[in-house]
Amino acid sequence: MLIDNYKHKGMRKRLVEEISRKGISDKQVLQAIEKVPRHLFMDKGFEDFAAYKDIAFRIGAGQTISQPYTVAFQTQLLDLRRGEKVLEIGTGSGYQTAVLLELGARVYTIERQKELYDKAKELLPELGYRPSFYYGDGYKGLPVFAPFDKILVTCGAPEIPGVLLSQLRVGGLMVIPVGSGDIQEMTLVLKVSEDQIERTEFGKFSFVPMLSERAKTN
C-alpha cells in the first residue's frame, strides 16, 4: 500500500525549507519537491531514516536516488516551461522523473538497468505519473523522438555526448554532470546552433557514472 500521510508531508515541508536555505530559489521547483513523495521511491525500511534527509541513498543495481538538493539544482538549471519535451537519461528510482512531470514537462525517460526500469515503470503510474518509458542505452538517447527542448542527464559522463547534442533543438538546454572520476562539474549546455554550444559550469557534484562500457551495447 502506498501511504503518503501528514507526517510525510510535514517532513517534505522541512526538506523544502532546508534546500531553500541552501540556495534553491525557483518556487515551482520547490513546490514540486514538496509534492513528490520521495519515501515511496525508497525501500520501506529507510522511510524515516533517509527519505527526507538531504542525502543520496543506494537504491540497487549500483545506483542511487539523488540528494534532493541535487535534484532541485539540476531541475532549476533546466528552466522548464510547461509542455516542454524533456529527455531524461537515467530514470533510476523515478524520483527526478516525477519532479519533472510535476512541472508540466512531457518526459521521455531512458534507463539501462532492467531492475530499475521495471520498478519505475510500475511505481510511477501508481502515483499518477505517466512519462514515456524506454529501456536502453542512454548514450544513444531517443533519436526517433528528437528534437527535445531540454535534456537532463542524471549520471556522470566523461564528456558531453555528441549524439545527445544532436537530439537537442537549437536554443535548447542540456544539464549534465561532466567528469571521468567520482566528482563531476555540473554543466549547463546551451545549443546556440547546429554546430555551436555555450557551456557554463556550476560547481562540483558526485554522480554514479554513465554507462562505462557502452561499446558492448552498440
C-alpha atoms as a PDB file:
ATOM      1  CA  MET A   1       0.000   0.000   0.000  1.00  0.00           C
ATOM      2  CA  LEU A   2       1.310   3.447  -0.968  1.00  0.00           C
ATOM      3  CA  ILE A   3       0.836   5.738   2.012  1.00  0.00           C
ATOM      4  CA  ASP A   4       1.591   9.446   1.999  1.00  0.00           C
ATOM      5  CA  ASN A   5       0.368  10.926   5.270  1.00  0.00           C
ATOM      6  CA  TYR A   6       0.602  14.212   7.179  1.00  0.00           C
ATOM      7  CA  LYS A   7       3.865  13.098   8.767  1.00  0.00           C
ATOM      8  CA  HIS A   8       5.461  12.620   5.335  1.00  0.00           C
ATOM      9  CA  LYS A   9       4.102  15.938   4.107  1.00  0.00           C
ATOM     10  CA  GLY A  10       5.485  17.687   7.170  1.00  0.00           C
ATOM     11  CA  MET A  11       8.921  16.149   6.560  1.00  0.00           C
ATOM     12  CA  ARG A  12       8.794  17.286   2.931  1.00  0.00           C
ATOM     13  CA  LYS A  13       7.978  20.823   4.024  1.00  0.00           C
ATOM     14  CA  ARG A  14      11.047  20.858   6.272  1.00  0.00           C
ATOM     15  CA  LEU A  15      13.148  19.417   3.428  1.00  0.00           C
ATOM     16  CA  VAL A  16      11.998  22.210   1.119  1.00  0.00           C
ATOM     17  CA  GLU A  17      12.916  24.779   3.747  1.00  0.00           C
ATOM     18  CA  GLU A  18      16.375  23.209   4.022  1.00  0.00           C
ATOM     19  CA  ILE A  19      17.156  23.191   0.296  1.00  0.00           C
ATOM     20  CA  SER A  20      15.765  26.709   0.002  1.00  0.00           C
ATOM     21  CA  ARG A  21      18.288  27.839   2.607  1.00  0.00           C
ATOM     22  CA  LYS A  22      20.995  26.128   0.527  1.00  0.00           C
ATOM     23  CA  GLY A  23      20.147  28.284  -2.464  1.00  0.00           C
ATOM     24  CA  ILE A  24      17.272  26.759  -4.435  1.00  0.00           C
ATOM     25  CA  SER A  25      15.106  29.758  -5.309  1.00  0.00           C
ATOM     26  CA  ASP A  26      12.759  28.582  -8.088  1.00  0.00           C
ATOM     27  CA  LYS A  27       9.355  28.461  -6.388  1.00  0.00           C
ATOM     28  CA  GLN A  28       7.920  25.975  -8.879  1.00  0.00           C
ATOM     29  CA  VAL A  29      10.816  23.588  -8.309  1.00  0.00           C
ATOM     30  CA  LEU A  30      10.384  23.886  -4.551  1.00  0.00           C
ATOM     31  CA  GLN A  31       6.661  23.196  -4.909  1.00  0.00           C
ATOM     32  CA  ALA A  32       7.392  20.098  -6.987  1.00  0.00           C
ATOM     33  CA  ILE A  33       9.840  18.785  -4.380  1.00  0.00           C
ATOM     34  CA  GLU A  34       7.191  19.358  -1.713  1.00  0.00           C
ATOM     35  CA  LYS A  35       4.600  17.391  -3.699  1.00  0.00           C
ATOM     36  CA  VAL A  36       6.602  14.294  -4.692  1.00  0.00           C
ATOM     37  CA  PRO A  37       6.536  11.549  -2.005  1.00  0.00           C
ATOM     38  CA  ARG A  38      10.243  10.660  -2.007  1.00  0.00           C
ATOM     39  CA  HIS A  39       9.777   7.929   0.621  1.00  0.00           C
ATOM     40  CA  LEU A  40       7.797   5.849  -1.884  1.00  0.00           C
ATOM     41  CA  PHE A  41      10.830   5.696  -4.173  1.00  0.00           C
ATOM     42  CA  MET A  42      12.946   4.046  -1.450  1.00  0.00           C
ATOM     43  CA  ASP A  43      12.860   0.777   0.455  1.00  0.00           C
ATOM     44  CA  LYS A  44      10.300   0.996   3.233  1.00  0.00           C
ATOM     45  CA  GLY A  45      12.880   0.333   5.952  1.00  0.00           C
ATOM     46  CA  PHE A  46      14.578   3.647   5.145  1.00  0.00           C
ATOM     47  CA  GLU A  47      11.390   5.702   5.052  1.00  0.00           C
ATOM     48  CA  ASP A  48      12.031   7.597   8.279  1.00  0.00           C
ATOM     49  CA  PHE A  49      15.815   7.277   8.281  1.00  0.00           C
ATOM     50  CA  ALA A  50      16.674   8.839   4.945  1.00  0.00           C
ATOM     51  CA  ALA A  51      13.695   9.722   2.788  1.00  0.00           C
ATOM     52  CA  TYR A  52      13.518  13.372   3.786  1.00  0.00           C
ATOM     53  CA  LYS A  53      17.111  13.981   4.702  1.00  0.00           C
ATOM     54  CA  ASP A  54      19.101  15.890   2.111  1.00  0.00           C
ATOM     55  CA  ILE A  55      21.297  12.933   1.201  1.00  0.00           C
ATOM     56  CA  ALA A  56      21.679  10.485  -1.668  1.00  0.00           C
ATOM     57  CA  PHE A  57      20.862   6.842  -0.992  1.00  0.00           C
ATOM     58  CA  ARG A  58      21.517   3.494  -2.643  1.00  0.00           C
ATOM     59  CA  ILE A  59      18.532   2.021  -4.477  1.00  0.00           C
ATOM     60  CA  GLY A  60      20.036  -1.136  -6.001  1.00  0.00           C
ATOM     61  CA  ALA A  61      21.785  -2.041  -9.244  1.00  0.00           C
ATOM     62  CA  GLY A  62      24.723   0.106  -8.108  1.00  0.00           C
ATOM     63  CA  GLN A  63      22.641   3.277  -8.454  1.00  0.00           C
ATOM     64  CA  THR A  64      21.413   5.980  -6.085  1.00  0.00           C
ATOM     65  CA  ILE A  65      18.398   8.183  -5.545  1.00  0.00           C
ATOM     66  CA  SER A  66      19.966  11.615  -5.801  1.00  0.00           C
ATOM     67  CA  GLN A  67      20.228  14.096  -2.967  1.00  0.00           C
ATOM     68  CA  PRO A  68      17.085  16.299  -3.047  1.00  0.00           C
ATOM     69  CA  TYR A  69      19.221  19.435  -3.325  1.00  0.00           C
ATOM     70  CA  THR A  70      20.911  17.975  -6.407  1.00  0.00           C
ATOM     71  CA  VAL A  71      17.564  17.063  -7.986  1.00  0.00           C
ATOM     72  CA  ALA A  72      16.312  20.580  -7.330  1.00  0.00           C
ATOM     73  CA  PHE A  73      19.555  22.168  -8.570  1.00  0.00           C
ATOM     74  CA  GLN A  74      19.534  20.280 -11.881  1.00  0.00           C
ATOM     75  CA  THR A  75      15.827  20.964 -12.354  1.00  0.00           C
ATOM     76  CA  GLN A  76      16.282  24.668 -11.642  1.00  0.00           C
ATOM     77  CA  LEU A  77      19.065  24.864 -14.245  1.00  0.00           C
ATOM     78  CA  LEU A  78      16.751  23.327 -16.860  1.00  0.00           C
ATOM     79  CA  ASP A  79      14.454  26.374 -16.579  1.00  0.00           C
ATOM     80  CA  LEU A  80      11.446  24.289 -17.592  1.00  0.00           C
ATOM     81  CA  ARG A  81       8.317  25.602 -19.222  1.00  0.00           C
ATOM     82  CA  ARG A  82       5.051  23.676 -19.061  1.00  0.00           C
ATOM     83  CA  GLY A  83       4.612  21.417 -22.074  1.00  0.00           C
ATOM     84  CA  GLU A  84       8.292  21.237 -22.997  1.00  0.00           C
ATOM     85  CA  LYS A  85       9.595  17.904 -24.228  1.00  0.00           C
ATOM     86  CA  VAL A  86      12.350  16.592 -21.974  1.00  0.00           C
ATOM     87  CA  LEU A  87      14.697  13.651 -22.448  1.00  0.00           C
ATOM     88  CA  GLU A  88      15.905  12.212 -19.143  1.00  0.00           C
ATOM     89  CA  ILE A  89      18.976   9.978 -19.286  1.00  0.00           C
ATOM     90  CA  GLY A  90      18.843   7.639 -16.294  1.00  0.00           C
ATOM     91  CA  THR A  91      15.376   7.021 -14.847  1.00  0.00           C
ATOM     92  CA  GLY A  92      16.841   5.459 -11.715  1.00  0.00           C
ATOM     93  CA  SER A  93      14.214   5.333  -8.981  1.00  0.00           C
ATOM     94  CA  GLY A  94      11.927   7.640 -10.976  1.00  0.00           C
ATOM     95  CA  TYR A  95      12.078  10.418  -8.361  1.00  0.00           C
ATOM     96  CA  GLN A  96      13.630  13.018 -10.673  1.00  0.00           C
ATOM     97  CA  THR A  97      11.168  11.941 -13.380  1.00  0.00           C
ATOM     98  CA  ALA A  98       8.274  12.697 -11.043  1.00  0.00           C
ATOM     99  CA  VAL A  99       9.657  16.151 -10.250  1.00  0.00           C
ATOM    100  CA  LEU A 100       9.893  16.968 -13.970  1.00  0.00           C
ATOM    101  CA  LEU A 101       6.320  15.801 -14.504  1.00  0.00           C
ATOM    102  CA  GLU A 102       5.094  17.937 -11.599  1.00  0.00           C
ATOM    103  CA  LEU A 103       6.480  20.913 -13.520  1.00  0.00           C
ATOM    104  CA  GLY A 104       4.352  20.041 -16.531  1.00  0.00           C
ATOM    105  CA  ALA A 105       7.077  18.620 -18.760  1.00  0.00           C
ATOM    106  CA  ARG A 106       6.450  15.856 -21.292  1.00  0.00           C
ATOM    107  CA  VAL A 107       9.104  13.408 -20.156  1.00  0.00           C
ATOM    108  CA  TYR A 108      10.817  10.698 -22.180  1.00  0.00           C
ATOM    109  CA  THR A 109      12.983   8.745 -19.753  1.00  0.00           C
ATOM    110  CA  ILE A 110      15.507   6.039 -20.541  1.00  0.00           C
ATOM    111  CA  GLU A 111      17.111   3.529 -18.162  1.00  0.00           C
ATOM    112  CA  ARG A 112      19.653   0.785 -18.896  1.00  0.00           C
ATOM    113  CA  GLN A 113      19.322  -1.162 -15.628  1.00  0.00           C
ATOM    114  CA  LYS A 114      16.411  -3.561 -16.137  1.00  0.00           C
ATOM    115  CA  GLU A 115      15.747  -3.870 -12.401  1.00  0.00           C
ATOM    116  CA  LEU A 116      15.319  -0.117 -12.009  1.00  0.00           C
ATOM    117  CA  TYR A 117      13.404   0.251 -15.272  1.00  0.00           C
ATOM    118  CA  ASP A 118      10.862  -2.354 -14.169  1.00  0.00           C
ATOM    119  CA  LYS A 119      10.420  -0.803 -10.710  1.00  0.00           C
ATOM    120  CA  ALA A 120       9.956   2.737 -12.017  1.00  0.00           C
ATOM    121  CA  LYS A 121       7.600   1.620 -14.768  1.00  0.00           C
ATOM    122  CA  GLU A 122       5.369   0.032 -12.151  1.00  0.00           C
ATOM    123  CA  LEU A 123       5.635   2.694  -9.434  1.00  0.00           C
ATOM    124  CA  LEU A 124       5.279   5.970 -11.318  1.00  0.00           C
ATOM    125  CA  PRO A 125       1.860   5.216 -12.878  1.00  0.00           C
ATOM    126  CA  GLU A 126       0.615   4.047  -9.465  1.00  0.00           C
ATOM    127  CA  LEU A 127       1.448   7.545  -8.205  1.00  0.00           C
ATOM    128  CA  GLY A 128      -0.278   9.198 -11.161  1.00  0.00           C
ATOM    129  CA  TYR A 129       2.902   9.984 -13.125  1.00  0.00           C
ATOM    130  CA  ARG A 130       2.963   8.904 -16.761  1.00  0.00           C
ATOM    131  CA  PRO A 131       6.216   9.559 -18.593  1.00  0.00           C
ATOM    132  CA  SER A 132       7.202   7.676 -21.724  1.00  0.00           C
ATOM    133  CA  PHE A 133       9.470   4.853 -20.506  1.00  0.00           C
ATOM    134  CA  TYR A 134      12.311   3.336 -22.513  1.00  0.00           C
ATOM    135  CA  TYR A 135      14.757   0.582 -21.654  1.00  0.00           C
ATOM    136  CA  GLY A 136      18.077   1.102 -23.377  1.00  0.00           C
ATOM    137  CA  ASP A 137      21.423   2.828 -23.690  1.00  0.00           C
ATOM    138  CA  GLY A 138      21.346   6.434 -22.535  1.00  0.00           C
ATOM    139  CA  TYR A 139      24.342   7.309 -24.721  1.00  0.00           C
ATOM    140  CA  LYS A 140      22.135   6.770 -27.772  1.00  0.00           C
ATOM    141  CA  GLY A 141      19.237   8.842 -26.490  1.00  0.00           C
ATOM    142  CA  LEU A 142      15.938   8.575 -28.361  1.00  0.00           C
ATOM    143  CA  PRO A 143      16.559   9.980 -31.858  1.00  0.00           C
ATOM    144  CA  VAL A 144      13.141   8.928 -33.134  1.00  0.00           C
ATOM    145  CA  PHE A 145      11.521  11.489 -30.783  1.00  0.00           C
ATOM    146  CA  ALA A 146      14.052  14.290 -31.296  1.00  0.00           C
ATOM    147  CA  PRO A 147      14.417  17.188 -31.141  1.00  0.00           C
ATOM    148  CA  PHE A 148      13.962  17.753 -27.409  1.00  0.00           C
ATOM    149  CA  ASP A 149      13.545  21.123 -25.741  1.00  0.00           C
ATOM    150  CA  LYS A 150      15.621  20.045 -22.759  1.00  0.00           C
ATOM    151  CA  ILE A 151      17.879  17.093 -21.895  1.00  0.00           C
ATOM    152  CA  LEU A 152      18.708  16.089 -18.330  1.00  0.00           C
ATOM    153  CA  VAL A 153      21.493  13.608 -17.616  1.00  0.00           C
ATOM    154  CA  THR A 154      21.366  12.109 -14.126  1.00  0.00           C
ATOM    155  CA  CYS A 155      24.693  10.269 -14.170  1.00  0.00           C
ATOM    156  CA  GLY A 156      28.303  11.360 -14.567  1.00  0.00           C
ATOM    157  CA  ALA A 157      29.571  11.493 -18.155  1.00  0.00           C
ATOM    158  CA  PRO A 158      33.256  11.781 -19.126  1.00  0.00           C
ATOM    159  CA  GLU A 159      32.279  14.235 -21.870  1.00  0.00           C
ATOM    160  CA  ILE A 160      29.206  15.797 -23.441  1.00  0.00           C
ATOM    161  CA  PRO A 161      27.868  13.090 -25.787  1.00  0.00           C
ATOM    162  CA  GLY A 162      27.604  14.418 -29.318  1.00  0.00           C
ATOM    163  CA  VAL A 163      24.728  12.083 -30.132  1.00  0.00           C
ATOM    164  CA  LEU A 164      22.660  13.673 -27.352  1.00  0.00           C
ATOM    165  CA  LEU A 165      23.551  17.181 -28.518  1.00  0.00           C
ATOM    166  CA  SER A 166      22.272  16.247 -31.958  1.00  0.00           C
ATOM    167  CA  GLN A 167      18.893  15.441 -30.362  1.00  0.00           C
ATOM    168  CA  LEU A 168      18.608  18.844 -28.651  1.00  0.00           C
ATOM    169  CA  ARG A 169      16.808  21.602 -30.523  1.00  0.00           C
ATOM    170  CA  VAL A 170      18.631  24.819 -31.325  1.00  0.00           C
ATOM    171  CA  GLY A 171      18.034  27.077 -28.346  1.00  0.00           C
ATOM    172  CA  GLY A 172      17.537  24.086 -26.073  1.00  0.00           C
ATOM    173  CA  LEU A 173      19.339  23.317 -22.814  1.00  0.00           C
ATOM    174  CA  MET A 174      21.142  20.250 -21.532  1.00  0.00           C
ATOM    175  CA  VAL A 175      22.118  19.764 -17.895  1.00  0.00           C
ATOM    176  CA  ILE A 176      24.829  17.157 -17.427  1.00  0.00           C
ATOM    177  CA  PRO A 177      27.482  16.298 -14.811  1.00  0.00           C
ATOM    178  CA  VAL A 178      30.775  16.117 -16.745  1.00  0.00           C
ATOM    179  CA  GLY A 179      33.898  14.366 -15.483  1.00  0.00           C
ATOM    180  CA  SER A 180      35.603  10.994 -15.654  1.00  0.00           C
ATOM    181  CA  GLY A 181      36.189  10.491 -11.918  1.00  0.00           C
ATOM    182  CA  ASP A 182      33.974  10.311  -8.848  1.00  0.00           C
ATOM    183  CA  ILE A 183      33.456  14.089  -8.936  1.00  0.00           C
ATOM    184  CA  GLN A 184      31.955  15.932 -11.890  1.00  0.00           C
ATOM    185  CA  GLU A 185      31.274  19.542 -12.856  1.00  0.00           C
ATOM    186  CA  MET A 186      27.591  20.320 -13.187  1.00  0.00           C
ATOM    187  CA  THR A 187      27.399  21.724 -16.695  1.00  0.00           C
ATOM    188  CA  LEU A 188      24.685  23.689 -18.450  1.00  0.00           C
ATOM    189  CA  VAL A 189      24.859  23.484 -22.226  1.00  0.00           C
ATOM    190  CA  LEU A 190      23.020  25.910 -24.486  1.00  0.00           C
ATOM    191  CA  LYS A 191      22.762  24.792 -28.112  1.00  0.00           C
ATOM    192  CA  VAL A 192      23.341  28.052 -29.976  1.00  0.00           C
ATOM    193  CA  SER A 193      23.277  26.490 -33.444  1.00  0.00           C
ATOM    194  CA  GLU A 194      23.715  23.072 -35.013  1.00  0.00           C
ATOM    195  CA  ASP A 195      27.486  23.422 -34.697  1.00  0.00           C
ATOM    196  CA  GLN A 196      27.912  25.752 -31.717  1.00  0.00           C
ATOM    197  CA  ILE A 197      27.261  25.406 -27.996  1.00  0.00           C
ATOM    198  CA  GLU A 198      27.826  27.542 -24.921  1.00  0.00           C
ATOM    199  CA  ARG A 199      28.670  25.760 -21.679  1.00  0.00           C
ATOM    200  CA  THR A 200      28.586  27.063 -18.123  1.00  0.00           C
ATOM    201  CA  GLU A 201      29.831  25.168 -15.085  1.00  0.00           C
ATOM    202  CA  PHE A 202      28.082  25.295 -11.724  1.00  0.00           C
ATOM    203  CA  GLY A 203      30.368  23.528  -9.293  1.00  0.00           C
ATOM    204  CA  LYS A 204      31.281  20.020  -8.286  1.00  0.00           C
ATOM    205  CA  PHE A 205      28.819  17.180  -7.698  1.00  0.00           C
ATOM    206  CA  SER A 206      29.137  13.426  -7.351  1.00  0.00           C
ATOM    207  CA  PHE A 207      27.104  11.038  -9.520  1.00  0.00           C
ATOM    208  CA  VAL A 208      27.321   7.374 -10.359  1.00  0.00           C
ATOM    209  CA  PRO A 209      28.993   7.028 -13.773  1.00  0.00           C
ATOM    210  CA  MET A 210      27.140   6.936 -17.045  1.00  0.00           C
ATOM    211  CA  LEU A 211      27.304   3.606 -18.895  1.00  0.00           C
ATOM    212  CA  SER A 212      31.043   2.990 -18.977  1.00  0.00           C
ATOM    213  CA  GLU A 213      31.148   0.009 -21.351  1.00  0.00           C
ATOM    214  CA  ARG A 214      28.834   1.460 -23.939  1.00  0.00           C
ATOM    215  CA  ALA A 215      30.583  -0.348 -26.782  1.00  0.00           C
ATOM    216  CA  LYS A 216      29.085  -3.617 -25.515  1.00  0.00           C
ATOM    217  CA  THR A 217      25.584  -2.342 -26.152  1.00  0.00           C
ATOM    218  CA  ASN A 218      26.175  -0.941 -29.614  1.00  0.00           C
END
